[in-house]
Structures are given as structure tokens and as C-alpha cells.
Amino acid sequence: MQILIDEERYERVQALARQRGTSVATVIREAIDRGLPSAQQRRSAAARRILAAEPMEIGDVLTELDDLRGRHA
């Protein structure tokens, strides 16, 4: 696959690649992965957010889940 980008964008990508000591292609692939994460990356990020959440009472969790599902007690 080939993509065309303007000179200013290429210079930004090239500068970052040089700073990191990697290729322009690697910088572009990493940018795509950050902007369009895979299903596994989304699941991992969701799990990290869950594990980092403050503890709460089970009743609060059930209420929150019901709210997310559109149910109201």
C-alpha cells in the first residue's frame, strides 16, 4: 500500500522517527494503532480502566449497569 502525504506531515513523521531511532513506517503504523485500536487493544484498555476504578458498593454497580442498559428502577 502507498499513501501520499504533504511535505509538512512527512517532516513531522520523519523528525519523530529520527528522534526515536526508528523508521517512518514504524511511526505511521504506531499512529494507526493509537487512532484505530484493535479489538484486543480496546478490551485491554477497558480492563485497565475497570481495575483502576475506585471500589464501590454492589448496589451502586447494579444501578450503574441498569442505567447503562437504559433501565430505571
PDB file of N, CA and C in Angstrom:
ATOM      1  N   MET A   1       0.839  -1.166   0.000  1.00  0.00           N
ATOM      2  CA  MET A   1       0.000   0.000   0.000  1.00  0.00           C
ATOM      3  C   MET A   1       0.892   1.240   0.000  1.00  0.00           C
ATOM      4  N   GLN A   2       0.426   2.249  -0.648  1.00  0.00           N
ATOM      5  CA  GLN A   2       1.144   3.513  -0.648  1.00  0.00           C
ATOM      6  C   GLN A   2       0.187   4.614  -0.230  1.00  0.00           C
ATOM      7  N   ILE A   3       0.707   5.575   0.502  1.00  0.00           N
ATOM      8  CA  ILE A   3      -0.086   6.740   0.846  1.00  0.00           C
ATOM      9  C   ILE A   3       0.688   7.988   0.457  1.00  0.00           C
ATOM     10  N   LEU A   4      -0.029   9.024   0.150  1.00  0.00           N
ATOM     11  CA  LEU A   4       0.595  10.301  -0.169  1.00  0.00           C
ATOM     12  C   LEU A   4       0.260  11.276   0.947  1.00  0.00           C
ATOM     13  N   ILE A   5       1.296  11.940   1.478  1.00  0.00           N
ATOM     14  CA  ILE A   5       1.072  12.961   2.492  1.00  0.00           C
ATOM     15  C   ILE A   5       1.853  14.207   2.092  1.00  0.00           C
ATOM     16  N   ASP A   6       1.399  15.333   2.603  1.00  0.00           N
ATOM     17  CA  ASP A   6       2.080  16.577   2.252  1.00  0.00           C
ATOM     18  C   ASP A   6       3.438  16.657   2.962  1.00  0.00           C
ATOM     19  N   GLU A   7       4.243  17.578   2.499  1.00  0.00           N
ATOM     20  CA  GLU A   7       5.620  17.718   2.987  1.00  0.00           C
ATOM     21  C   GLU A   7       5.674  18.000   4.493  1.00  0.00           C
ATOM     22  N   GLU A   8       4.782  18.847   4.988  1.00  0.00           N
ATOM     23  CA  GLU A   8       4.793  19.216   6.403  1.00  0.00           C
ATOM     24  C   GLU A   8       4.527  17.999   7.280  1.00  0.00           C
ATOM     25  N   ARG A   9       3.572  17.172   6.910  1.00  0.00           N
ATOM     26  CA  ARG A   9       3.290  15.959   7.686  1.00  0.00           C
ATOM     27  C   ARG A   9       4.475  14.992   7.616  1.00  0.00           C
ATOM     28  N   TYR A  10       5.015  14.838   6.431  1.00  0.00           N
ATOM     29  CA  TYR A  10       6.159  13.931   6.288  1.00  0.00           C
ATOM     30  C   TYR A  10       7.322  14.389   7.163  1.00  0.00           C
ATOM     31  N   GLU A  11       7.579  15.679   7.204  1.00  0.00           N
ATOM     32  CA  GLU A  11       8.676  16.189   8.021  1.00  0.00           C
ATOM     33  C   GLU A  11       8.424  15.924   9.507  1.00  0.00           C
ATOM     34  N   ARG A  12       7.177  16.056   9.951  1.00  0.00           N
ATOM     35  CA  ARG A  12       6.845  15.756  11.349  1.00  0.00           C
ATOM     36  C   ARG A  12       7.081  14.287  11.659  1.00  0.00           C
ATOM     37  N   VAL A  13       6.609  13.416  10.772  1.00  0.00           N
ATOM     38  CA  VAL A  13       6.780  11.978  10.989  1.00  0.00           C
ATOM     39  C   VAL A  13       8.263  11.610  10.944  1.00  0.00           C
ATOM     40  N   GLN A  14       8.962  12.159   9.988  1.00  0.00           N
ATOM     41  CA  GLN A  14      10.391  11.868   9.847  1.00  0.00           C
ATOM     42  C   GLN A  14      11.174  12.345  11.075  1.00  0.00           C
ATOM     43  N   ALA A  15      10.831  13.519  11.592  1.00  0.00           N
ATOM     44  CA  ALA A  15      11.524  14.040  12.778  1.00  0.00           C
ATOM     45  C   ALA A  15      11.298  13.128  13.985  1.00  0.00           C
ATOM     46  N   LEU A  16      10.051  12.669  14.156  1.00  0.00           N
ATOM     47  CA  LEU A  16       9.750  11.769  15.271  1.00  0.00           C
ATOM     48  C   LEU A  16      10.482  10.439  15.104  1.00  0.00           C
ATOM     49  N   ALA A  17      10.516   9.924  13.885  1.00  0.00           N
ATOM     50  CA  ALA A  17      11.220   8.667  13.629  1.00  0.00           C
ATOM     51  C   ALA A  17      12.704   8.823  13.964  1.00  0.00           C
ATOM     52  N   ARG A  18      13.276   9.917  13.552  1.00  0.00           N
ATOM     53  CA  ARG A  18      14.699  10.169  13.830  1.00  0.00           C
ATOM     54  C   ARG A  18      14.926  10.270  15.340  1.00  0.00           C
ATOM     55  N   GLN A  19      14.027  10.990  16.027  1.00  0.00           N
ATOM     56  CA  GLN A  19      14.146  11.155  17.482  1.00  0.00           C
ATOM     57  C   GLN A  19      14.073   9.811  18.199  1.00  0.00           C
ATOM     58  N   ARG A  20      13.195   8.921  17.723  1.00  0.00           N
ATOM     59  CA  ARG A  20      13.018   7.605  18.352  1.00  0.00           C
ATOM     60  C   ARG A  20      14.032   6.575  17.869  1.00  0.00           C
ATOM     61  N   GLY A  21      14.731   6.904  16.803  1.00  0.00           N
ATOM     62  CA  GLY A  21      15.674   5.946  16.233  1.00  0.00           C
ATOM     63  C   GLY A  21      14.972   4.795  15.541  1.00  0.00           C
ATOM     64  N   THR A  22      13.865   5.099  14.872  1.00  0.00           N
ATOM     65  CA  THR A  22      13.084   4.075  14.187  1.00  0.00           C
ATOM     66  C   THR A  22      12.736   4.562  12.784  1.00  0.00           C
ATOM     67  N   SER A  23      11.980   3.768  12.062  1.00  0.00           N
ATOM     68  CA  SER A  23      11.635   4.131  10.690  1.00  0.00           C
ATOM     69  C   SER A  23      10.362   4.966  10.636  1.00  0.00           C
ATOM     70  N   VAL A  24      10.203   5.674   9.532  1.00  0.00           N
ATOM     71  CA  VAL A  24       8.974   6.436   9.279  1.00  0.00           C
ATOM     72  C   VAL A  24       7.783   5.479   9.260  1.00  0.00           C
ATOM     73  N   ALA A  25       7.955   4.322   8.650  1.00  0.00           N
ATOM     74  CA  ALA A  25       6.866   3.340   8.569  1.00  0.00           C
ATOM     75  C   ALA A  25       6.409   2.897   9.962  1.00  0.00           C
ATOM     76  N   THR A  26       7.358   2.710  10.873  1.00  0.00           N
ATOM     77  CA  THR A  26       7.002   2.310  12.238  1.00  0.00           C
ATOM     78  C   THR A  26       6.191   3.397  12.926  1.00  0.00           C
ATOM     79  N   VAL A  27       6.607   4.647  12.764  1.00  0.00           N
ATOM     80  CA  VAL A  27       5.863   5.761  13.366  1.00  0.00           C
ATOM     81  C   VAL A  27       4.438   5.792  12.816  1.00  0.00           C
ATOM     82  N   ILE A  28       4.278   5.594  11.530  1.00  0.00           N
ATOM     83  CA  ILE A  28       2.950   5.619  10.920  1.00  0.00           C
ATOM     84  C   ILE A  28       2.106   4.445  11.408  1.00  0.00           C
ATOM     85  N   ARG A  29       2.687   3.240  11.479  1.00  0.00           N
ATOM     86  CA  ARG A  29       1.938   2.085  11.987  1.00  0.00           C
ATOM     87  C   ARG A  29       1.487   2.309  13.431  1.00  0.00           C
ATOM     88  N   GLU A  30       2.383   2.861  14.260  1.00  0.00           N
ATOM     89  CA  GLU A  30       2.023   3.132  15.655  1.00  0.00           C
ATOM     90  C   GLU A  30       0.909   4.173  15.755  1.00  0.00           C
ATOM     91  N   ALA A  31       0.951   5.176  14.901  1.00  0.00           N
ATOM     92  CA  ALA A  31      -0.104   6.199  14.900  1.00  0.00           C
ATOM     93  C   ALA A  31      -1.447   5.582  14.507  1.00  0.00           C
ATOM     94  N   ILE A  32      -1.433   4.681  13.551  1.00  0.00           N
ATOM     95  CA  ILE A  32      -2.666   3.991  13.150  1.00  0.00           C
ATOM     96  C   ILE A  32      -3.192   3.153  14.305  1.00  0.00           C
ATOM     97  N   ASP A  33      -2.308   2.432  14.974  1.00  0.00           N
ATOM     98  CA  ASP A  33      -2.728   1.600  16.112  1.00  0.00           C
ATOM     99  C   ASP A  33      -3.324   2.439  17.236  1.00  0.00           C
ATOM    100  N   ARG A  34      -2.763   3.632  17.475  1.00  0.00           N
ATOM    101  CA  ARG A  34      -3.324   4.509  18.517  1.00  0.00           C
ATOM    102  C   ARG A  34      -4.677   5.065  18.081  1.00  0.00           C
ATOM    103  N   GLY A  35      -4.804   5.435  16.831  1.00  0.00           N
ATOM    104  CA  GLY A  35      -6.043   6.031  16.337  1.00  0.00           C
ATOM    105  C   GLY A  35      -7.139   5.032  16.046  1.00  0.00           C
ATOM    106  N   LEU A  36      -6.755   3.820  15.677  1.00  0.00           N
ATOM    107  CA  LEU A  36      -7.708   2.763  15.336  1.00  0.00           C
ATOM    108  C   LEU A  36      -7.301   1.484  16.053  1.00  0.00           C
ATOM    109  N   PRO A  37      -7.511   1.436  17.369  1.00  0.00           N
ATOM    110  CA  PRO A  37      -7.055   0.264  18.125  1.00  0.00           C
ATOM    111  C   PRO A  37      -7.798  -1.007  17.725  1.00  0.00           C
ATOM    112  N   SER A  38      -7.097  -2.133  17.829  1.00  0.00           N
ATOM    113  CA  SER A  38      -7.708  -3.428  17.529  1.00  0.00           C
ATOM    114  C   SER A  38      -8.697  -3.781  18.639  1.00  0.00           C
ATOM    115  N   ALA A  39      -9.506  -4.788  18.407  1.00  0.00           N
ATOM    116  CA  ALA A  39     -10.470  -5.240  19.410  1.00  0.00           C
ATOM    117  C   ALA A  39      -9.748  -5.642  20.693  1.00  0.00           C
ATOM    118  N   GLN A  40      -8.623  -6.316  20.574  1.00  0.00           N
ATOM    119  CA  GLN A  40      -7.851  -6.729  21.747  1.00  0.00           C
ATOM    120  C   GLN A  40      -7.336  -5.516  22.517  1.00  0.00           C
ATOM    121  N   GLN A  41      -6.856  -4.502  21.816  1.00  0.00           N
ATOM    122  CA  GLN A  41      -6.376  -3.299  22.478  1.00  0.00           C
ATOM    123  C   GLN A  41      -7.517  -2.595  23.215  1.00  0.00           C
ATOM    124  N   ARG A  42      -8.716  -2.568  22.607  1.00  0.00           N
ATOM    125  CA  ARG A  42      -9.868  -1.938  23.271  1.00  0.00           C
ATOM    126  C   ARG A  42     -10.258  -2.715  24.517  1.00  0.00           C
ATOM    127  N   ARG A  43     -10.252  -4.059  24.435  1.00  0.00           N
ATOM    128  CA  ARG A  43     -10.584  -4.876  25.608  1.00  0.00           C
ATOM    129  C   ARG A  43      -9.560  -4.671  26.725  1.00  0.00           C
ATOM    130  N   SER A  44      -8.293  -4.642  26.363  1.00  0.00           N
ATOM    131  CA  SER A  44      -7.242  -4.434  27.364  1.00  0.00           C
ATOM    132  C   SER A  44      -7.386  -3.069  28.030  1.00  0.00           C
ATOM    133  N   ALA A  45      -7.682  -2.047  27.247  1.00  0.00           N
ATOM    134  CA  ALA A  45      -7.860  -0.705  27.810  1.00  0.00           C
ATOM    135  C   ALA A  45      -9.068  -0.678  28.742  1.00  0.00           C
ATOM    136  N   ALA A  46     -10.160  -1.341  28.355  1.00  0.00           N
ATOM    137  CA  ALA A  46     -11.347  -1.397  29.210  1.00  0.00           C
ATOM    138  C   ALA A  46     -11.033  -2.115  30.520  1.00  0.00           C
ATOM    139  N   ALA A  47     -10.288  -3.202  30.445  1.00  0.00           N
ATOM    140  CA  ALA A  47      -9.924  -3.941  31.654  1.00  0.00           C
ATOM    141  C   ALA A  47      -9.056  -3.088  32.573  1.00  0.00           C
ATOM    142  N   ARG A  48      -8.115  -2.335  31.999  1.00  0.00           N
ATOM    143  CA  ARG A  48      -7.276  -1.448  32.817  1.00  0.00           C
ATOM    144  C   ARG A  48      -8.119  -0.383  33.511  1.00  0.00           C
ATOM    145  N   ARG A  49      -9.120   0.170  32.800  1.00  0.00           N
ATOM    146  CA  ARG A  49      -9.994   1.175  33.423  1.00  0.00           C
ATOM    147  C   ARG A  49     -10.813   0.562  34.552  1.00  0.00           C
ATOM    148  N   ILE A  50     -11.305  -0.644  34.352  1.00  0.00           N
ATOM    149  CA  ILE A  50     -12.089  -1.326  35.396  1.00  0.00           C
ATOM    150  C   ILE A  50     -11.220  -1.578  36.624  1.00  0.00           C
ATOM    151  N   LEU A  51     -10.022  -2.092  36.406  1.00  0.00           N
ATOM    152  CA  LEU A  51      -9.136  -2.397  37.526  1.00  0.00           C
ATOM    153  C   LEU A  51      -8.672  -1.141  38.263  1.00  0.00           C
ATOM    154  N   ALA A  52      -8.627  -0.016  37.570  1.00  0.00           N
ATOM    155  CA  ALA A  52      -8.187   1.233  38.189  1.00  0.00           C
ATOM    156  C   ALA A  52      -9.333   1.989  38.869  1.00  0.00           C
ATOM    157  N   ALA A  53     -10.570   1.538  38.674  1.00  0.00           N
ATOM    158  CA  ALA A  53     -11.731   2.245  39.230  1.00  0.00           C
ATOM    159  C   ALA A  53     -11.751   2.147  40.753  1.00  0.00           C
ATOM    160  N   GLU A  54     -12.322   3.165  41.357  1.00  0.00           N
ATOM    161  CA  GLU A  54     -12.494   3.174  42.804  1.00  0.00           C
ATOM    162  C   GLU A  54     -13.485   2.085  43.203  1.00  0.00           C
ATOM    163  N   PRO A  55     -13.254   1.431  44.345  1.00  0.00           N
ATOM    164  CA  PRO A  55     -14.204   0.423  44.822  1.00  0.00           C
ATOM    165  C   PRO A  55     -15.566   1.058  45.100  1.00  0.00           C
ATOM    166  N   MET A  56     -16.641   0.290  44.882  1.00  0.00           N
ATOM    167  CA  MET A  56     -17.979   0.784  45.184  1.00  0.00           C
ATOM    168  C   MET A  56     -18.849  -0.354  45.685  1.00  0.00           C
ATOM    169  N   GLU A  57     -19.917   0.013  46.323  1.00  0.00           N
ATOM    170  CA  GLU A  57     -20.864  -0.978  46.830  1.00  0.00           C
ATOM    171  C   GLU A  57     -21.547  -1.677  45.656  1.00  0.00           C
ATOM    172  N   ILE A  58     -21.918  -2.937  45.833  1.00  0.00           N
ATOM    173  CA  ILE A  58     -22.522  -3.720  44.763  1.00  0.00           C
ATOM    174  C   ILE A  58     -23.826  -3.095  44.274  1.00  0.00           C
ATOM    175  N   GLY A  59     -24.585  -2.498  45.186  1.00  0.00           N
ATOM    176  CA  GLY A  59     -25.826  -1.834  44.778  1.00  0.00           C
ATOM    177  C   GLY A  59     -25.563  -0.711  43.792  1.00  0.00           C
ATOM    178  N   ASP A  60     -24.471   0.036  44.008  1.00  0.00           N
ATOM    179  CA  ASP A  60     -24.095   1.111  43.096  1.00  0.00           C
ATOM    180  C   ASP A  60     -23.749   0.563  41.717  1.00  0.00           C
ATOM    181  N   VAL A  61     -23.063  -0.570  41.686  1.00  0.00           N
ATOM    182  CA  VAL A  61     -22.686  -1.186  40.414  1.00  0.00           C
ATOM    183  C   VAL A  61     -23.934  -1.621  39.657  1.00  0.00           C
ATOM    184  N   LEU A  62     -24.876  -2.258  40.354  1.00  0.00           N
ATOM    185  CA  LEU A  62     -26.101  -2.716  39.700  1.00  0.00           C
ATOM    186  C   LEU A  62     -26.911  -1.541  39.172  1.00  0.00           C
ATOM    187  N   THR A  63     -26.989  -0.471  39.936  1.00  0.00           N
ATOM    188  CA  THR A  63     -27.699   0.722  39.480  1.00  0.00           C
ATOM    189  C   THR A  63     -27.027   1.312  38.255  1.00  0.00           C
ATOM    190  N   GLU A  64     -25.704   1.381  38.281  1.00  0.00           N
ATOM    191  CA  GLU A  64     -24.972   1.914  37.144  1.00  0.00           C
ATOM    192  C   GLU A  64     -25.176   1.052  35.901  1.00  0.00           C
ATOM    193  N   LEU A  65     -25.149  -0.265  36.064  1.00  0.00           N
ATOM    194  CA  LEU A  65     -25.380  -1.162  34.927  1.00  0.00           C
ATOM    195  C   LEU A  65     -26.795  -0.991  34.376  1.00  0.00           C
ATOM    196  N   ASP A  66     -27.772  -0.887  35.259  1.00  0.00           N
ATOM    197  CA  ASP A  66     -29.142  -0.660  34.807  1.00  0.00           C
ATOM    198  C   ASP A  66     -29.264   0.653  34.043  1.00  0.00           C
ATOM    199  N   ASP A  67     -28.607   1.700  34.537  1.00  0.00           N
ATOM    200  CA  ASP A  67     -28.626   2.977  33.847  1.00  0.00           C
ATOM    201  C   ASP A  67     -28.006   2.859  32.454  1.00  0.00           C
ATOM    202  N   LEU A  68     -26.883   2.152  32.355  1.00  0.00           N
ATOM    203  CA  LEU A  68     -26.235   1.967  31.065  1.00  0.00           C
ATOM    204  C   LEU A  68     -27.099   1.170  30.095  1.00  0.00           C
ATOM    205  N   ARG A  69     -27.884   0.252  30.630  1.00  0.00           N
ATOM    206  CA  ARG A  69     -28.769  -0.555  29.788  1.00  0.00           C
ATOM    207  C   ARG A  69     -30.071   0.176  29.474  1.00  0.00           C
ATOM    208  N   GLY A  70     -30.262   1.339  30.076  1.00  0.00           N
ATOM    209  CA  GLY A  70     -31.480   2.097  29.826  1.00  0.00           C
ATOM    210  C   GLY A  70     -32.636   1.692  30.694  1.00  0.00           C
ATOM    211  N   ARG A  71     -32.361   0.946  31.750  1.00  0.00           N
ATOM    212  CA  ARG A  71     -33.410   0.524  32.670  1.00  0.00           C
ATOM    213  C   ARG A  71     -33.418   1.445  33.869  1.00  0.00           C
ATOM    214  N   HIS A  72     -34.576   1.729  34.331  1.00  0.00           N
ATOM    215  CA  HIS A  72     -34.690   2.589  35.517  1.00  0.00           C
ATOM    216  C   HIS A  72     -35.585   1.887  36.520  1.00  0.00           C
ATOM    217  N   ALA A  73     -35.112   1.786  37.761  1.00  0.00           N
ATOM    218  CA  ALA A  73     -35.852   1.086  38.802  1.00  0.00           C
ATOM    219  C   ALA A  73     -37.044   1.904  39.268  1.00  0.00           C
TER     220      ALA A  73
END
